[in-house]
Amino acid sequence: MDLLSELGSCRRIIHQLKVDMEARERVTPLSVKTWALRIHEKSAQDLQPNESHLTATWSKSWVDQWTSINGRVERLSASLNDSFQMLIGAMTVLDSAANKKQAERATMLTLLAAIYLPLTLTTGIFGMNLREVNQGSPPWWWVMIVMVVLLTPSIIFMVYLFTKNRLETFRERRAKSESDKMV
């Protein structure tokens, strides 16, 4: 964020330079003439015929300098805007990478929950103080049905988890080998 504030500061400075240059363009020729006439009034009367030639030469030189400085300010402003856009793009890429990692972690937590929640439910059922569960021997078919119903989703998610990682690795290797063949 320090770089963003620095870029913003540079943009403000360039804008202020443009405003100052435009103000000086409007004010400077008039103030220079009035000062020169006040200080050198007698000499100015003698040089009246040559004034138009000197003013044209001076203003041409000044206009060239102003045009050069204004062009440089425009180029700096364009470069600054390009840098700003590149910085925004880099920040977007970093944010998307962080979001991808966070999504992968959330997926892992979901898969862990899918594995452990049925097991927790099973221990909760068998930990109840019910006469059918705690005393005597319950029918084995009841135990088998509960275990199959509760463990099936866990097994499916575990198979999905392991095959997903292997499929992604396989696809990445295949894409890399195809790109290497093209190069």
C-alpha atoms as a PDB file:
ATOM      1  CA  MET A   1       0.000   0.000   0.000  1.00  0.00           C
ATOM      2  CA  ASP A   2       3.008   2.296   0.453  1.00  0.00           C
ATOM      3  CA  LEU A   3       3.626   2.167  -3.294  1.00  0.00           C
ATOM      4  CA  LEU A   4       0.019   3.133  -4.011  1.00  0.00           C
ATOM      5  CA  SER A   5       0.268   6.215  -1.807  1.00  0.00           C
ATOM      6  CA  GLU A   6       3.567   7.140  -3.472  1.00  0.00           C
ATOM      7  CA  LEU A   7       1.977   6.836  -6.927  1.00  0.00           C
ATOM      8  CA  GLY A   8      -0.941   8.977  -5.794  1.00  0.00           C
ATOM      9  CA  SER A   9       1.467  11.591  -4.474  1.00  0.00           C
ATOM     10  CA  CYS A  10       3.326  11.650  -7.810  1.00  0.00           C
ATOM     11  CA  ARG A  11       0.050  12.098  -9.674  1.00  0.00           C
ATOM     12  CA  ARG A  12      -0.892  15.048  -7.453  1.00  0.00           C
ATOM     13  CA  ILE A  13       2.523  16.666  -7.961  1.00  0.00           C
ATOM     14  CA  ILE A  14       2.314  16.289 -11.748  1.00  0.00           C
ATOM     15  CA  HIS A  15      -1.190  17.762 -11.759  1.00  0.00           C
ATOM     16  CA  GLN A  16      -0.022  20.716  -9.665  1.00  0.00           C
ATOM     17  CA  LEU A  17       2.913  21.268 -12.057  1.00  0.00           C
ATOM     18  CA  LYS A  18       0.499  21.380 -14.996  1.00  0.00           C
ATOM     19  CA  VAL A  19      -1.716  23.910 -13.220  1.00  0.00           C
ATOM     20  CA  ASP A  20       1.290  26.067 -12.287  1.00  0.00           C
ATOM     21  CA  MET A  21       2.641  25.991 -15.841  1.00  0.00           C
ATOM     22  CA  GLU A  22      -0.704  27.045 -17.286  1.00  0.00           C
ATOM     23  CA  ALA A  23      -0.980  29.889 -14.761  1.00  0.00           C
ATOM     24  CA  ARG A  24       2.553  31.070 -15.513  1.00  0.00           C
ATOM     25  CA  GLU A  25       1.836  30.969 -19.229  1.00  0.00           C
ATOM     26  CA  ARG A  26      -1.042  33.395 -18.735  1.00  0.00           C
ATOM     27  CA  VAL A  27       0.708  35.697 -16.243  1.00  0.00           C
ATOM     28  CA  THR A  28       4.437  35.786 -17.082  1.00  0.00           C
ATOM     29  CA  PRO A  29       4.558  37.798 -20.344  1.00  0.00           C
ATOM     30  CA  LEU A  30       2.447  40.607 -18.884  1.00  0.00           C
ATOM     31  CA  SER A  31       4.351  40.827 -15.591  1.00  0.00           C
ATOM     32  CA  VAL A  32       7.757  40.785 -17.315  1.00  0.00           C
ATOM     33  CA  LYS A  33       6.731  43.619 -19.612  1.00  0.00           C
ATOM     34  CA  THR A  34       5.321  45.788 -16.829  1.00  0.00           C
ATOM     35  CA  TRP A  35       8.391  45.269 -14.647  1.00  0.00           C
ATOM     36  CA  ALA A  36      10.759  46.041 -17.522  1.00  0.00           C
ATOM     37  CA  LEU A  37       8.804  49.157 -18.494  1.00  0.00           C
ATOM     38  CA  ARG A  38       8.726  50.418 -14.915  1.00  0.00           C
ATOM     39  CA  ILE A  39      12.457  49.954 -14.331  1.00  0.00           C
ATOM     40  CA  HIS A  40      13.693  50.986 -17.765  1.00  0.00           C
ATOM     41  CA  GLU A  41      11.029  53.405 -18.925  1.00  0.00           C
ATOM     42  CA  LYS A  42      13.369  55.870 -20.660  1.00  0.00           C
ATOM     43  CA  SER A  43      15.362  53.122 -22.395  1.00  0.00           C
ATOM     44  CA  ALA A  44      12.145  51.424 -23.418  1.00  0.00           C
ATOM     45  CA  GLN A  45      10.980  54.503 -25.266  1.00  0.00           C
ATOM     46  CA  ASP A  46      14.209  54.543 -27.252  1.00  0.00           C
ATOM     47  CA  LEU A  47      13.872  50.829 -28.044  1.00  0.00           C
ATOM     48  CA  GLN A  48      10.178  50.963 -28.980  1.00  0.00           C
ATOM     49  CA  PRO A  49      10.774  50.045 -32.653  1.00  0.00           C
ATOM     50  CA  ASN A  50      12.838  46.981 -31.717  1.00  0.00           C
ATOM     51  CA  GLU A  51      10.371  45.776 -29.046  1.00  0.00           C
ATOM     52  CA  SER A  52       8.262  43.721 -31.388  1.00  0.00           C
ATOM     53  CA  HIS A  53      11.313  41.794 -32.655  1.00  0.00           C
ATOM     54  CA  LEU A  54      12.633  41.142 -29.109  1.00  0.00           C
ATOM     55  CA  THR A  55       9.213  40.130 -27.821  1.00  0.00           C
ATOM     56  CA  ALA A  56       8.742  37.694 -30.696  1.00  0.00           C
ATOM     57  CA  THR A  57      12.181  36.131 -30.088  1.00  0.00           C
ATOM     58  CA  TRP A  58      11.707  35.931 -26.314  1.00  0.00           C
ATOM     59  CA  SER A  59       8.195  34.521 -26.547  1.00  0.00           C
ATOM     60  CA  LYS A  60       9.317  31.937 -29.120  1.00  0.00           C
ATOM     61  CA  SER A  61      12.086  30.775 -26.795  1.00  0.00           C
ATOM     62  CA  TRP A  62       9.702  30.684 -23.849  1.00  0.00           C
ATOM     63  CA  VAL A  63       7.039  28.817 -25.816  1.00  0.00           C
ATOM     64  CA  ASP A  64       9.616  26.225 -26.911  1.00  0.00           C
ATOM     65  CA  GLN A  65      10.687  25.681 -23.305  1.00  0.00           C
ATOM     66  CA  TRP A  66       7.113  25.498 -22.110  1.00  0.00           C
ATOM     67  CA  THR A  67       6.210  23.020 -24.863  1.00  0.00           C
ATOM     68  CA  SER A  68       9.213  20.870 -23.972  1.00  0.00           C
ATOM     69  CA  ILE A  69       8.367  20.866 -20.261  1.00  0.00           C
ATOM     70  CA  ASN A  70       4.689  20.225 -20.953  1.00  0.00           C
ATOM     71  CA  GLY A  71       5.572  17.287 -23.224  1.00  0.00           C
ATOM     72  CA  ARG A  72       7.804  15.839 -20.525  1.00  0.00           C
ATOM     73  CA  VAL A  73       5.051  16.213 -17.916  1.00  0.00           C
ATOM     74  CA  GLU A  74       2.615  14.433 -20.252  1.00  0.00           C
ATOM     75  CA  ARG A  75       5.070  11.565 -20.807  1.00  0.00           C
ATOM     76  CA  LEU A  76       5.697  11.270 -17.055  1.00  0.00           C
ATOM     77  CA  SER A  77       1.964  11.272 -16.415  1.00  0.00           C
ATOM     78  CA  ALA A  78       1.414   8.514 -18.993  1.00  0.00           C
ATOM     79  CA  SER A  79       4.277   6.479 -17.528  1.00  0.00           C
ATOM     80  CA  LEU A  80       2.870   6.950 -14.042  1.00  0.00           C
ATOM     81  CA  ASN A  81      -0.579   5.789 -15.163  1.00  0.00           C
ATOM     82  CA  ASP A  82       0.953   2.710 -16.827  1.00  0.00           C
ATOM     83  CA  SER A  83       2.865   1.899 -13.637  1.00  0.00           C
ATOM     84  CA  PHE A  84      -0.320   2.317 -11.635  1.00  0.00           C
ATOM     85  CA  GLN A  85      -2.202  -0.097 -13.913  1.00  0.00           C
ATOM     86  CA  MET A  86       0.623  -2.650 -13.706  1.00  0.00           C
ATOM     87  CA  LEU A  87       0.599  -2.406  -9.913  1.00  0.00           C
ATOM     88  CA  ILE A  88      -3.158  -2.967  -9.809  1.00  0.00           C
ATOM     89  CA  GLY A  89      -2.744  -6.004 -12.098  1.00  0.00           C
ATOM     90  CA  ALA A  90       0.000  -7.468  -9.904  1.00  0.00           C
ATOM     91  CA  MET A  91      -2.135  -6.980  -6.798  1.00  0.00           C
ATOM     92  CA  THR A  92      -5.047  -8.736  -8.519  1.00  0.00           C
ATOM     93  CA  VAL A  93      -2.855 -11.716  -9.413  1.00  0.00           C
ATOM     94  CA  LEU A  94      -1.570 -11.989  -5.831  1.00  0.00           C
ATOM     95  CA  ASP A  95      -5.111 -11.766  -4.458  1.00  0.00           C
ATOM     96  CA  SER A  96      -6.336 -14.494  -6.798  1.00  0.00           C
ATOM     97  CA  ALA A  97      -3.465 -16.775  -5.741  1.00  0.00           C
ATOM     98  CA  ALA A  98      -4.327 -16.202  -2.078  1.00  0.00           C
ATOM     99  CA  ASN A  99      -8.017 -16.858  -2.792  1.00  0.00           C
ATOM    100  CA  LYS A 100      -7.129 -20.103  -4.573  1.00  0.00           C
ATOM    101  CA  LYS A 101      -5.135 -21.328  -1.559  1.00  0.00           C
ATOM    102  CA  GLN A 102      -7.969 -20.379   0.767  1.00  0.00           C
ATOM    103  CA  ALA A 103     -10.482 -22.276  -1.400  1.00  0.00           C
ATOM    104  CA  GLU A 104      -8.260 -25.371  -1.346  1.00  0.00           C
ATOM    105  CA  ARG A 105      -8.054 -25.190   2.455  1.00  0.00           C
ATOM    106  CA  ALA A 106     -11.830 -24.841   2.728  1.00  0.00           C
ATOM    107  CA  THR A 107     -12.219 -27.901   0.496  1.00  0.00           C
ATOM    108  CA  MET A 108      -9.878 -29.895   2.721  1.00  0.00           C
ATOM    109  CA  LEU A 109     -11.845 -28.872   5.823  1.00  0.00           C
ATOM    110  CA  THR A 110     -15.076 -29.904   4.125  1.00  0.00           C
ATOM    111  CA  LEU A 111     -13.639 -33.295   3.230  1.00  0.00           C
ATOM    112  CA  LEU A 112     -12.348 -33.812   6.771  1.00  0.00           C
ATOM    113  CA  ALA A 113     -15.777 -32.935   8.111  1.00  0.00           C
ATOM    114  CA  ALA A 114     -17.347 -35.407   5.678  1.00  0.00           C
ATOM    115  CA  ILE A 115     -15.062 -38.114   7.047  1.00  0.00           C
ATOM    116  CA  TYR A 116     -15.332 -37.373  10.756  1.00  0.00           C
ATOM    117  CA  LEU A 117     -18.997 -36.392  11.095  1.00  0.00           C
ATOM    118  CA  PRO A 118     -20.365 -39.868  10.267  1.00  0.00           C
ATOM    119  CA  LEU A 119     -17.828 -41.382  12.655  1.00  0.00           C
ATOM    120  CA  THR A 120     -18.918 -38.955  15.352  1.00  0.00           C
ATOM    121  CA  LEU A 121     -22.543 -39.866  14.725  1.00  0.00           C
ATOM    122  CA  THR A 122     -21.684 -43.565  14.983  1.00  0.00           C
ATOM    123  CA  THR A 123     -19.930 -43.102  18.324  1.00  0.00           C
ATOM    124  CA  GLY A 124     -22.860 -41.008  19.507  1.00  0.00           C
ATOM    125  CA  ILE A 125     -25.353 -43.732  18.639  1.00  0.00           C
ATOM    126  CA  PHE A 126     -23.325 -46.503  20.251  1.00  0.00           C
ATOM    127  CA  GLY A 127     -22.616 -44.326  23.290  1.00  0.00           C
ATOM    128  CA  MET A 128     -26.313 -43.883  24.110  1.00  0.00           C
ATOM    129  CA  ASN A 129     -27.715 -45.455  27.214  1.00  0.00           C
ATOM    130  CA  LEU A 130     -30.351 -47.505  25.444  1.00  0.00           C
ATOM    131  CA  ARG A 131     -31.236 -50.956  26.577  1.00  0.00           C
ATOM    132  CA  GLU A 132     -31.030 -52.400  23.059  1.00  0.00           C
ATOM    133  CA  VAL A 133     -27.532 -51.054  22.526  1.00  0.00           C
ATOM    134  CA  ASN A 134     -25.951 -51.537  25.971  1.00  0.00           C
ATOM    135  CA  GLN A 135     -27.560 -54.714  27.279  1.00  0.00           C
ATOM    136  CA  GLY A 136     -27.684 -58.012  25.632  1.00  0.00           C
ATOM    137  CA  SER A 137     -26.485 -58.655  22.168  1.00  0.00           C
ATOM    138  CA  PRO A 138     -28.120 -56.494  19.522  1.00  0.00           C
ATOM    139  CA  PRO A 139     -28.927 -58.121  16.240  1.00  0.00           C
ATOM    140  CA  TRP A 140     -25.830 -58.004  14.008  1.00  0.00           C
ATOM    141  CA  TRP A 141     -27.768 -56.852  11.016  1.00  0.00           C
ATOM    142  CA  TRP A 142     -28.581 -53.614  12.878  1.00  0.00           C
ATOM    143  CA  VAL A 143     -24.885 -52.929  13.526  1.00  0.00           C
ATOM    144  CA  MET A 144     -23.960 -53.720   9.928  1.00  0.00           C
ATOM    145  CA  ILE A 145     -26.657 -51.464   8.450  1.00  0.00           C
ATOM    146  CA  VAL A 146     -25.613 -48.530  10.654  1.00  0.00           C
ATOM    147  CA  MET A 147     -21.944 -48.997   9.789  1.00  0.00           C
ATOM    148  CA  VAL A 148     -22.599 -49.296   6.048  1.00  0.00           C
ATOM    149  CA  VAL A 149     -24.880 -46.247   5.996  1.00  0.00           C
ATOM    150  CA  LEU A 150     -22.448 -44.116   7.973  1.00  0.00           C
ATOM    151  CA  LEU A 151     -19.168 -45.246   6.436  1.00  0.00           C
ATOM    152  CA  THR A 152     -20.258 -45.195   2.777  1.00  0.00           C
ATOM    153  CA  PRO A 153     -20.141 -41.375   2.420  1.00  0.00           C
ATOM    154  CA  SER A 154     -16.782 -41.313   4.191  1.00  0.00           C
ATOM    155  CA  ILE A 155     -15.307 -43.893   1.845  1.00  0.00           C
ATOM    156  CA  ILE A 156     -16.714 -42.120  -1.213  1.00  0.00           C
ATOM    157  CA  PHE A 157     -15.187 -38.809  -0.114  1.00  0.00           C
ATOM    158  CA  MET A 158     -11.833 -40.419   0.644  1.00  0.00           C
ATOM    159  CA  VAL A 159     -11.744 -42.010  -2.817  1.00  0.00           C
ATOM    160  CA  TYR A 160     -12.729 -38.673  -4.351  1.00  0.00           C
ATOM    161  CA  LEU A 161      -9.992 -36.873  -2.426  1.00  0.00           C
ATOM    162  CA  PHE A 162      -7.219 -39.225  -3.511  1.00  0.00           C
ATOM    163  CA  THR A 163      -8.330 -39.498  -7.137  1.00  0.00           C
ATOM    164  CA  LYS A 164      -8.834 -35.742  -7.446  1.00  0.00           C
ATOM    165  CA  ASN A 165      -5.231 -34.986  -6.473  1.00  0.00           C
ATOM    166  CA  ARG A 166      -3.903 -37.684  -8.790  1.00  0.00           C
ATOM    167  CA  LEU A 167      -6.061 -36.485 -11.694  1.00  0.00           C
ATOM    168  CA  GLU A 168      -4.873 -32.898 -11.210  1.00  0.00           C
ATOM    169  CA  THR A 169      -1.247 -34.027 -11.123  1.00  0.00           C
ATOM    170  CA  PHE A 170      -1.772 -36.149 -14.244  1.00  0.00           C
ATOM    171  CA  ARG A 171      -3.437 -33.259 -16.121  1.00  0.00           C
ATOM    172  CA  GLU A 172      -0.653 -30.845 -15.149  1.00  0.00           C
ATOM    173  CA  ARG A 173       2.036 -33.262 -16.342  1.00  0.00           C
ATOM    174  CA  ARG A 174       0.211 -33.882 -19.612  1.00  0.00           C
ATOM    175  CA  ALA A 175      -0.266 -30.155 -20.240  1.00  0.00           C
ATOM    176  CA  LYS A 176       3.394 -29.506 -19.449  1.00  0.00           C
ATOM    177  CA  SER A 177       4.585 -32.274 -21.775  1.00  0.00           C
ATOM    178  CA  GLU A 178       2.326 -30.982 -24.573  1.00  0.00           C
ATOM    179  CA  SER A 179       3.635 -27.445 -24.117  1.00  0.00           C
ATOM    180  CA  ASP A 180       7.223 -28.751 -24.120  1.00  0.00           C
ATOM    181  CA  LYS A 181       6.550 -30.586 -27.396  1.00  0.00           C
ATOM    182  CA  MET A 182       5.250 -27.394 -29.009  1.00  0.00           C
ATOM    183  CA  VAL A 183       8.336 -25.440 -28.004  1.00  0.00           C
END
